Amino acid sequence: MTHSPLRPPTMADVARLAGVSHQTVSRVLGDHPNVRDETRARVQRVIEEMGYRRNSSARALATRRTRTLGVVASNTTLYGPASTLFALEEAARAEGYLVSTVSMRKLTVETLSEALDHLSDGGVEGVIAIAPQRSAVEALAELRRPFPVVAVGTGSASTVPSANVDQYLGARLATGHLLAAGHRTVWHLAGPEDWQEAADRVVGWRETLEEAGVEPPMPLRGDWSPLSGYRAGQELAGWVGRGLTAVFVANDQMALGVLRALREAGVRTPQDVAVVGYDDIPESEFFAPPLTTVRQDFSAVGQRSIALLLDLIEGRTPSGPTRIAIEPQLVVRASTYPYASPPGTAPPG
C-alpha cells in the first residue's frame, strides 16, 4: 500500500515501502551506527523517492532539542544591523540550527520581554540580541532570561556575554591614518548619542587626537542617513580654509552625504578635505571619490557569537572570553592621501 498523494509521507510510509521497521528508519535518520550499509542505502533511497521530511516537532519532543535559536533585532534597515542579522543566520545554519527572528521598532524592557516570551513559546534554545542602543543594553541587563543570551552590536557597554567589532580601535585607525597623512586635526561627524558603538567611535577619535597633542573639535551629530551627512557637510564646508582639512565620518552613508555637500560647495576631496567613513558598505568603493573607510567583519561577529551561544547552551566552558572584541580593518582608497600644507605654512609638528 502506498501513501496518499494528498498528505505528506510519514515515517511509517517509509518503513513500509523499504520493508523495515519504524525503529530502523529512525536509526537511519539519526545516523545510528548499528544499521547495515545495504539497509541504510535502501531506506535513504525510499526517503528521497518519497520526498519524506522528518517532523521537527516530533523530533523536538523525542530529543528535547529544537535546534532553533532566536534573534531579537531592531533597526534592521540599517547596514550594520542588517549585515549582523544575515551573518548570524549564516553561522547558525552552518551549525545545523534554524533561526527565529523578532524585529522590534525599539528595544526596551517591555518590548524585549515580549520578544523573549514569544521566542520562549517557540522553543528556542538560546537568543542573540542585536542591541546597538544604550537603552537596549540596559534593558537586556535588567531582564530575567529563561535561556542563554548573547548580545551583539553593544559596543563596550555590554554586561552580558557578547561579540562586537572593536569600535574604539576602528576610530583610532581612521583618525591615526589622517594624522599620519599630515593633517593638523580631524573633525568628526558622529552617530546618534544613544548608540553605544557611536559613542565608542567618539572616544577612539578623541583620545587619538589628545595623544597627538591636538585639542579635539566639537563633534557634529547625524542619524546615520545620507541626508544628515549632507546637512553636516554643508556646515563643514564653511570651515574649509579655517583649519578643516580632514573629516572622520561615523558611517559610509553619512559620508556619502558629506561628499556631495563638499562637492556642491566647490570643495575638492581629498585635495581640500580628506574624508574617512566607517562600515565599508559595498557601494563605498564606487563613491566619487572611492571612500577610505573602516571595514567591520560581520561574518566573524556571526560566527563568534553563535559559537559562544552554543557553548552556553551546552553548558560548556567557553573556549575564549565571553566578551569578544573583533578587530576592524582600515581600507584606504582615493578619498584620502598624504596632505601637503598650503604654501607659506609650516609643516605639522
Protein backbone atom coordinates (compact mmCIF):
# COMPACT_ATOMS: atom_id res chain seq x y z
CA MET A 1 0.00 0.00 0.00
CA THR A 2 1.39 3.42 -0.94
CA HIS A 3 0.81 6.70 0.92
CA SER A 4 -1.90 9.09 -0.26
CA PRO A 5 -0.59 11.88 -2.53
CA LEU A 6 -2.94 14.20 -0.65
CA ARG A 7 -0.81 14.10 2.51
CA PRO A 8 2.96 14.22 3.12
CA PRO A 9 4.69 10.85 3.62
CA THR A 10 5.25 9.64 7.18
CA MET A 11 7.98 7.57 8.76
CA ALA A 12 5.57 4.62 8.70
CA ASP A 13 5.18 5.02 4.92
CA VAL A 14 8.97 4.94 4.50
CA ALA A 15 9.28 1.84 6.72
CA ARG A 16 6.51 0.03 4.81
CA LEU A 17 7.99 0.74 1.36
CA ALA A 18 11.57 -0.06 2.44
CA GLY A 19 10.47 -3.26 4.16
CA VAL A 20 11.97 -2.33 7.52
CA SER A 21 10.72 -1.36 10.95
CA HIS A 22 9.80 2.15 12.11
CA GLN A 23 12.77 1.96 14.51
CA THR A 24 15.20 1.19 11.67
CA VAL A 25 14.04 4.27 9.74
CA SER A 26 14.55 6.33 12.90
CA ARG A 27 18.08 4.95 13.29
CA VAL A 28 18.93 5.81 9.67
CA LEU A 29 17.64 9.37 10.17
CA GLY A 30 19.68 9.65 13.37
CA ASP A 31 22.79 8.29 11.62
CA HIS A 32 22.95 5.43 14.12
CA PRO A 33 25.94 3.10 13.51
CA ASN A 34 24.02 -0.16 14.11
CA VAL A 35 22.40 -0.29 10.68
CA ARG A 36 23.70 -2.43 7.81
CA ASP A 37 25.00 -0.43 4.84
CA GLU A 38 22.60 -2.18 2.45
CA THR A 39 19.62 -1.41 4.67
CA ARG A 40 20.74 2.22 5.17
CA ALA A 41 21.07 2.71 1.42
CA ARG A 42 17.61 1.21 0.76
CA VAL A 43 15.95 3.42 3.40
CA GLN A 44 17.71 6.55 2.14
CA ARG A 45 16.63 5.76 -1.42
CA VAL A 46 12.99 5.44 -0.33
CA ILE A 47 13.24 8.69 1.67
CA GLU A 48 14.49 10.51 -1.42
CA GLU A 49 11.89 8.95 -3.75
CA MET A 50 9.00 9.77 -1.42
CA GLY A 51 10.29 13.25 -0.53
CA TYR A 52 9.97 12.45 3.16
CA ARG A 53 10.82 15.25 5.62
CA ARG A 54 11.17 14.50 9.31
CA ASN A 55 8.67 16.28 11.53
CA SER A 56 10.67 18.82 13.51
CA SER A 57 8.08 18.98 16.32
CA ALA A 58 8.17 15.22 16.79
CA ARG A 59 11.97 15.29 16.80
CA ALA A 60 11.95 18.05 19.41
CA LEU A 61 9.62 16.03 21.64
CA ALA A 62 11.86 12.99 21.36
CA THR A 63 15.18 14.76 21.90
CA ARG A 64 14.02 17.77 23.97
CA ARG A 65 16.01 19.86 21.48
CA THR A 66 14.51 22.14 18.81
CA ARG A 67 17.83 23.17 17.24
CA THR A 68 16.34 26.64 16.88
CA LEU A 69 17.94 29.89 18.01
CA GLY A 70 16.19 33.21 18.46
CA VAL A 71 17.34 36.63 17.31
CA VAL A 72 15.91 39.88 18.64
CA ALA A 73 16.72 42.90 16.50
CA SER A 74 15.82 46.49 15.75
CA ASN A 75 16.91 48.99 13.06
CA THR A 76 17.38 46.15 10.56
CA THR A 77 17.06 48.58 7.64
CA LEU A 78 20.48 49.99 8.58
CA TYR A 79 23.59 48.38 7.09
CA GLY A 80 25.22 47.29 10.36
CA PRO A 81 22.22 45.56 12.00
CA ALA A 82 21.11 44.07 8.66
CA SER A 83 24.59 42.67 7.95
CA THR A 84 24.80 41.33 11.51
CA LEU A 85 21.44 39.55 11.16
CA PHE A 86 22.48 37.93 7.87
CA ALA A 87 25.80 36.80 9.37
CA LEU A 88 24.02 35.29 12.38
CA GLU A 89 21.63 33.33 10.19
CA GLU A 90 24.52 32.00 8.08
CA ALA A 91 26.56 30.99 11.13
CA ALA A 92 23.58 29.28 12.78
CA ARG A 93 22.75 27.38 9.60
CA ALA A 94 26.36 26.19 9.35
CA GLU A 95 25.96 24.68 12.84
CA GLY A 96 22.69 22.97 11.89
CA TYR A 97 20.36 25.43 13.62
CA LEU A 98 17.34 27.34 12.36
CA VAL A 99 16.79 30.96 13.35
CA SER A 100 13.57 32.59 14.51
CA THR A 101 13.76 36.38 14.33
CA VAL A 102 11.70 39.02 16.14
CA SER A 103 12.17 42.57 14.87
CA MET A 104 11.10 45.44 17.11
CA ARG A 105 10.91 49.16 16.37
CA LYS A 106 12.84 49.87 19.58
CA LEU A 107 14.26 47.60 22.26
CA THR A 108 13.00 48.49 25.73
CA VAL A 109 12.42 46.38 28.83
CA GLU A 110 8.80 45.88 27.74
CA THR A 111 9.47 45.04 24.06
CA LEU A 112 12.45 42.82 24.90
CA SER A 113 10.38 40.94 27.48
CA GLU A 114 7.63 40.47 24.90
CA ALA A 115 10.13 39.23 22.29
CA LEU A 116 11.78 36.78 24.69
CA ASP A 117 8.38 35.42 25.75
CA HIS A 118 7.45 34.90 22.10
CA LEU A 119 10.72 33.10 21.36
CA SER A 120 10.42 31.02 24.52
CA ASP A 121 6.94 29.86 23.43
CA GLY A 122 8.53 28.83 20.13
CA GLY A 123 11.01 26.60 21.95
CA VAL A 124 14.26 28.38 21.07
CA GLU A 125 17.33 27.10 22.93
CA GLY A 126 19.09 30.47 23.19
CA VAL A 127 18.90 34.03 21.88
CA ILE A 128 21.16 36.56 20.18
CA ALA A 129 20.13 40.17 20.83
CA ILE A 130 21.27 42.81 18.36
CA ALA A 131 21.23 45.73 20.78
CA PRO A 132 23.11 48.79 19.48
CA GLN A 133 21.41 51.44 21.62
CA ARG A 134 22.39 52.08 25.23
CA SER A 135 18.74 51.78 26.26
CA ALA A 136 18.62 48.29 24.71
CA VAL A 137 21.81 47.22 26.52
CA GLU A 138 20.40 48.47 29.83
CA ALA A 139 17.07 46.72 29.20
CA LEU A 140 18.84 43.45 28.41
CA ALA A 141 20.78 43.61 31.69
CA GLU A 142 17.56 44.11 33.69
CA LEU A 143 15.61 41.17 32.27
CA ARG A 144 15.33 37.71 33.77
CA ARG A 145 16.38 35.47 30.90
CA PRO A 146 14.91 31.92 30.65
CA PHE A 147 17.73 30.74 28.35
CA PRO A 148 21.29 31.79 27.42
CA VAL A 149 21.52 35.20 25.73
CA VAL A 150 24.45 36.70 23.81
CA ALA A 151 24.46 40.37 22.76
CA VAL A 152 25.96 41.85 19.60
CA GLY A 153 26.27 45.43 18.42
CA THR A 154 26.53 46.65 22.01
CA GLY A 155 29.98 48.18 21.78
CA SER A 156 31.88 48.34 25.05
CA ALA A 157 28.76 48.64 27.23
CA SER A 158 27.59 45.02 27.37
CA THR A 159 27.25 43.39 30.80
CA VAL A 160 26.12 40.07 29.28
CA PRO A 161 28.18 37.70 27.07
CA SER A 162 28.79 39.49 23.78
CA ALA A 163 30.64 39.61 20.46
CA ASN A 164 31.37 43.01 18.92
CA VAL A 165 33.64 44.75 16.47
CA ASP A 166 36.09 46.94 18.39
CA GLN A 167 34.64 50.35 17.50
CA TYR A 168 37.18 52.21 19.64
CA LEU A 169 40.02 50.64 17.66
CA GLY A 170 38.28 51.37 14.35
CA ALA A 171 38.06 55.06 15.21
CA ARG A 172 41.73 55.11 16.20
CA LEU A 173 42.66 53.55 12.85
CA ALA A 174 40.68 56.17 10.93
CA THR A 175 41.92 59.15 12.94
CA GLY A 176 45.52 57.93 13.06
CA HIS A 177 45.51 57.46 9.29
CA LEU A 178 44.53 61.10 8.75
CA LEU A 179 47.06 62.43 11.27
CA ALA A 180 49.80 60.31 9.70
CA ALA A 181 48.92 61.87 6.34
CA GLY A 182 49.85 65.28 7.76
CA HIS A 183 46.52 66.78 8.83
CA ARG A 184 46.79 69.01 11.90
CA THR A 185 43.43 67.90 13.25
CA VAL A 186 40.49 65.68 12.33
CA TRP A 187 36.84 66.69 12.60
CA HIS A 188 34.21 64.07 13.40
CA LEU A 189 30.63 63.52 12.31
CA ALA A 190 29.31 61.13 14.96
CA GLY A 191 26.28 58.84 15.02
CA PRO A 192 23.26 59.17 17.35
CA GLU A 193 24.04 59.75 21.02
CA ASP A 194 22.05 56.70 22.19
CA TRP A 195 24.14 54.29 20.10
CA GLN A 196 27.00 52.80 22.14
CA GLU A 197 29.01 51.97 19.01
CA ALA A 198 28.82 55.65 18.01
CA ALA A 199 29.99 56.62 21.50
CA ASP A 200 32.94 54.20 21.29
CA ARG A 201 33.97 55.75 17.96
CA VAL A 202 33.85 59.23 19.50
CA VAL A 203 36.11 58.10 22.35
CA GLY A 204 38.59 56.48 19.95
CA TRP A 205 38.70 59.62 17.77
CA ARG A 206 39.06 61.98 20.73
CA GLU A 207 41.76 60.02 22.53
CA THR A 208 43.83 59.62 19.34
CA LEU A 209 43.82 63.40 18.86
CA GLU A 210 44.62 64.08 22.52
CA GLU A 211 47.55 61.65 22.44
CA ALA A 212 48.87 63.62 19.44
CA GLY A 213 48.61 66.85 21.44
CA VAL A 214 45.59 68.09 19.46
CA GLU A 215 42.52 69.66 21.08
CA PRO A 216 39.53 67.81 19.54
CA PRO A 217 36.96 69.98 17.75
CA MET A 218 33.34 69.70 18.85
CA PRO A 219 31.87 66.65 17.05
CA LEU A 220 28.84 67.06 14.82
CA ARG A 221 25.91 64.63 15.09
CA GLY A 222 23.98 62.70 12.45
CA ASP A 223 21.38 59.93 12.40
CA TRP A 224 23.29 57.50 10.08
CA SER A 225 21.42 58.75 6.98
CA PRO A 226 22.96 60.37 3.87
CA LEU A 227 20.66 63.37 4.43
CA SER A 228 22.09 64.03 7.90
CA GLY A 229 25.57 63.68 6.39
CA TYR A 230 24.67 66.16 3.65
CA ARG A 231 23.47 68.74 6.17
CA ALA A 232 26.57 68.27 8.30
CA GLY A 233 28.70 68.53 5.15
CA GLN A 234 27.16 71.94 4.38
CA GLU A 235 28.22 73.09 7.84
CA LEU A 236 31.70 71.58 7.47
CA ALA A 237 32.19 73.32 4.11
CA GLY A 238 32.02 76.64 5.95
CA TRP A 239 35.14 75.69 7.93
CA VAL A 240 37.28 74.93 4.89
CA GLY A 241 40.14 77.43 4.82
CA ARG A 242 39.75 77.93 8.58
CA GLY A 243 41.54 74.81 9.76
CA LEU A 244 39.36 71.98 8.46
CA THR A 245 41.23 69.60 6.14
CA ALA A 246 40.06 66.15 7.31
CA VAL A 247 36.81 64.55 8.49
CA PHE A 248 36.16 61.15 10.05
CA VAL A 249 32.52 60.19 9.47
CA ALA A 250 30.92 57.53 11.67
CA ASN A 251 29.37 55.59 8.78
CA ASP A 252 29.62 55.41 4.99
CA GLN A 253 26.03 56.53 4.36
CA MET A 254 26.62 59.83 6.14
CA ALA A 255 29.98 60.11 4.36
CA LEU A 256 28.12 59.94 1.05
CA GLY A 257 26.10 63.00 2.07
CA VAL A 258 29.23 64.81 3.27
CA LEU A 259 30.99 64.20 -0.06
CA ARG A 260 28.07 65.62 -2.02
CA ALA A 261 27.79 68.72 0.17
CA LEU A 262 31.51 69.41 -0.12
CA ARG A 263 31.42 68.92 -3.89
CA GLU A 264 28.48 71.32 -4.27
CA ALA A 265 30.41 73.91 -2.22
CA GLY A 266 33.38 73.64 -4.59
CA VAL A 267 35.49 71.75 -2.04
CA ARG A 268 37.66 69.02 -3.56
CA THR A 269 38.16 65.62 -1.95
CA PRO A 270 40.85 64.80 -0.99
CA GLN A 271 42.81 67.84 -2.23
CA ASP A 272 40.99 70.27 0.09
CA VAL A 273 39.33 67.92 2.60
CA ALA A 274 40.07 64.24 3.14
CA VAL A 275 37.16 62.02 4.22
CA VAL A 276 37.13 58.66 6.01
CA GLY A 277 33.94 56.67 6.52
CA TYR A 278 33.04 53.56 8.52
CA ASP A 279 31.48 50.18 7.58
CA ASP A 280 32.85 49.58 4.05
CA ILE A 281 29.41 49.16 2.52
CA PRO A 282 29.54 47.57 -0.97
CA GLU A 283 28.93 50.93 -2.66
CA SER A 284 31.75 52.79 -0.87
CA GLU A 285 34.41 51.90 -3.43
CA PHE A 286 32.18 53.49 -6.12
CA PHE A 287 31.67 56.82 -4.35
CA ALA A 288 33.20 59.89 -6.00
CA PRO A 289 35.99 59.62 -4.98
CA PRO A 290 36.19 56.00 -3.73
CA LEU A 291 35.91 56.15 0.04
CA THR A 292 38.60 55.30 2.56
CA THR A 293 36.71 53.51 5.32
CA VAL A 294 36.86 51.05 8.22
CA ARG A 295 35.66 47.53 7.41
CA GLN A 296 33.68 45.59 10.02
CA ASP A 297 33.91 41.79 9.83
CA PHE A 298 30.24 40.91 10.32
CA SER A 299 30.89 37.31 9.31
CA ALA A 300 33.26 36.94 12.26
CA VAL A 301 30.69 38.56 14.56
CA GLY A 302 28.13 35.98 13.45
CA GLN A 303 30.46 33.01 13.83
CA ARG A 304 31.93 34.04 17.19
CA SER A 305 28.58 34.97 18.75
CA ILE A 306 26.87 31.76 17.61
CA ALA A 307 29.82 29.68 18.88
CA LEU A 308 29.63 31.47 22.25
CA LEU A 309 25.87 30.94 22.47
CA LEU A 310 26.18 27.22 21.67
CA ASP A 311 28.85 26.84 24.38
CA LEU A 312 26.43 28.40 26.87
CA ILE A 313 23.52 26.22 25.69
CA GLU A 314 25.59 23.04 26.01
CA GLY A 315 26.91 24.06 29.41
CA ARG A 316 30.48 24.08 28.13
CA THR A 317 33.11 26.47 29.39
CA PRO A 318 33.58 28.94 26.51
CA SER A 319 36.88 28.41 24.70
CA GLY A 320 37.68 32.13 24.92
CA PRO A 321 36.45 35.33 26.58
CA THR A 322 32.71 35.88 26.97
CA ARG A 323 33.11 39.49 25.80
CA ILE A 324 34.64 39.10 22.38
CA ALA A 325 36.25 42.04 20.53
CA ILE A 326 36.81 41.62 16.79
CA GLU A 327 39.40 43.83 15.09
CA PRO A 328 38.23 46.08 12.23
CA GLN A 329 40.37 46.87 9.17
CA LEU A 330 41.24 50.21 7.58
CA VAL A 331 40.59 50.20 3.81
CA VAL A 332 42.48 53.04 2.12
CA ARG A 333 41.04 54.50 -1.09
CA ALA A 334 41.15 57.78 -3.02
CA SER A 335 39.25 59.99 -0.55
CA THR A 336 42.46 60.36 1.48
CA TYR A 337 46.11 60.76 0.66
CA PRO A 338 49.16 62.43 2.24
CA TYR A 339 48.26 66.04 2.91
CA ALA A 340 50.53 68.85 1.73
CA SER A 341 50.37 72.03 3.79
CA PRO A 342 49.38 75.13 1.79
CA PRO A 343 52.31 77.23 0.52
CA GLY A 344 53.76 79.52 3.16
CA THR A 345 52.61 77.46 6.15
CA ALA A 346 54.75 75.40 8.46
CA PRO A 347 54.51 71.63 8.22
CA PRO A 348 52.60 69.88 11.01
CA GLY A 349 54.73 69.48 14.07
